[in-house]
Each structure stands twice: as C-alpha cells, then as structure tokens.
Amino acid sequence: MRCVCCDKKLKDHESVRRHAITNEFLDMCDACLKEIPNIPTKLPKGVVIEADPFEDSEANDNDVDIDSVTHCYTLDLDKD
C-alpha cells in the first residue's frame, strides 16, 4: 500500500492507521500526516511502531485514544 500524498510505500503501522472520528483508513505515511495539523488518529491495539533510524521524525503526535476525543470541528468550505 502507498501513501495517498507522496506515493511512498507505507510501513505496517501506517497502513492500519485510521481517523479517530470517521474510522476511515488514512493511507498516509508518518511524514505526510505530520504536515497536516489536528487529524485525530488511532491504531489497533497491539500495533508496534517501528522507529526508522534514518528518519528524524517520530511516530505521529496526533495519535489519540478514541475515547478521549470529545470535540470535532469541521471547516465547511462549500457554504454559501
């Protein structure tokens, strides 16, 4: 599976990451996801995030426990 933004091959933990509200698969690598602020994400229990020694970024800082999500704000660009 590949990242929908940069077409890079996804690691195991990246390919199972879901949006914490919609439960849709994100299909984005850590680097691309880090560039987009405020996307609540979740991983299945037991998924291990392997560190890449050649990459300076850490795992997605936006990963949250779905039970801790209390508010969701959506920007609607199609309003008249």
Protein backbone atom coordinates (compact mmCIF):
# COMPACT_ATOMS: atom_id res chain seq x y z
CA MET A 1 0.00 0.00 0.00
CA ARG A 2 1.22 3.53 -0.78
CA CYS A 3 0.77 6.99 0.75
CA VAL A 4 -2.01 8.93 -0.98
CA CYS A 5 0.09 12.12 -0.76
CA CYS A 6 3.65 11.18 -1.71
CA ASP A 7 3.24 7.63 -3.10
CA LYS A 8 5.84 6.26 -0.65
CA LYS A 9 5.38 2.62 0.42
CA LEU A 10 3.60 2.55 3.80
CA LYS A 11 5.04 0.78 6.85
CA ASP A 12 2.83 -1.72 8.68
CA HIS A 13 1.62 0.75 11.33
CA GLU A 14 0.92 3.43 8.70
CA SER A 15 -1.26 1.10 6.65
CA VAL A 16 -3.61 0.32 9.57
CA ARG A 17 -3.93 3.87 10.96
CA ARG A 18 -7.49 5.19 10.96
CA HIS A 19 -9.15 8.55 11.53
CA ALA A 20 -10.33 8.57 15.16
CA ILE A 21 -13.75 10.04 14.37
CA THR A 22 -14.74 8.63 10.97
CA ASN A 23 -12.85 5.32 11.35
CA GLU A 24 -11.67 5.64 7.70
CA PHE A 25 -8.19 4.41 6.80
CA LEU A 26 -5.88 7.40 6.30
CA ASP A 27 -3.36 5.69 3.98
CA MET A 28 -0.73 8.34 4.74
CA CYS A 29 2.89 7.98 5.78
CA ASP A 30 4.10 9.49 9.06
CA ALA A 31 5.91 12.33 7.28
CA CYS A 32 2.85 13.48 5.31
CA LEU A 33 0.50 13.07 8.25
CA LYS A 34 2.79 15.19 10.40
CA GLU A 35 2.43 18.06 7.91
CA ILE A 36 -1.36 18.16 8.36
CA PRO A 37 -2.32 19.52 11.80
CA ASN A 38 -5.15 18.34 14.02
CA ILE A 39 -6.09 14.99 12.48
CA PRO A 40 -7.09 12.68 15.32
CA THR A 41 -5.89 9.17 14.57
CA LYS A 42 -5.99 5.74 16.14
CA LEU A 43 -4.12 2.48 15.74
CA PRO A 44 -5.38 -1.01 16.55
CA LYS A 45 -4.30 -2.31 19.96
CA GLY A 46 -1.02 -4.16 19.88
CA VAL A 47 0.38 -2.38 16.80
CA VAL A 48 4.06 -1.67 17.30
CA ILE A 49 5.50 1.47 15.70
CA GLU A 50 8.99 0.68 14.49
CA ALA A 51 11.47 3.54 14.62
CA ASP A 52 13.25 4.35 11.38
CA PRO A 53 16.91 5.11 12.21
CA PHE A 54 17.26 7.17 9.03
CA GLU A 55 14.19 9.30 9.61
CA ASP A 56 14.28 12.26 12.00
CA SER A 57 10.56 12.24 12.76
CA GLU A 58 8.86 10.26 15.50
CA ALA A 59 5.54 8.46 15.33
CA ASN A 60 2.51 10.62 14.64
CA ASP A 61 1.97 13.04 17.54
CA ASN A 62 -1.73 13.15 16.64
CA ASP A 63 -2.42 9.52 17.66
CA VAL A 64 -5.11 9.63 20.34
CA ASP A 65 -7.30 7.22 22.21
CA ILE A 66 -10.72 7.33 20.52
CA ASP A 67 -12.41 7.54 23.94
CA SER A 68 -10.57 10.80 24.67
CA VAL A 69 -11.97 12.60 21.61
CA THR A 70 -14.68 14.93 22.87
CA HIS A 71 -14.93 17.66 20.23
CA CYS A 72 -14.61 17.64 16.48
CA TYR A 73 -14.52 20.79 14.40
CA THR A 74 -15.01 20.70 10.65
CA LEU A 75 -14.32 23.54 8.24
CA ASP A 76 -17.10 23.62 5.64
CA LEU A 77 -15.79 25.36 2.54
CA ASP A 78 -18.94 24.80 0.46
CA LYS A 79 -21.23 27.12 2.41
CA ASP A 80 -22.87 29.97 0.51
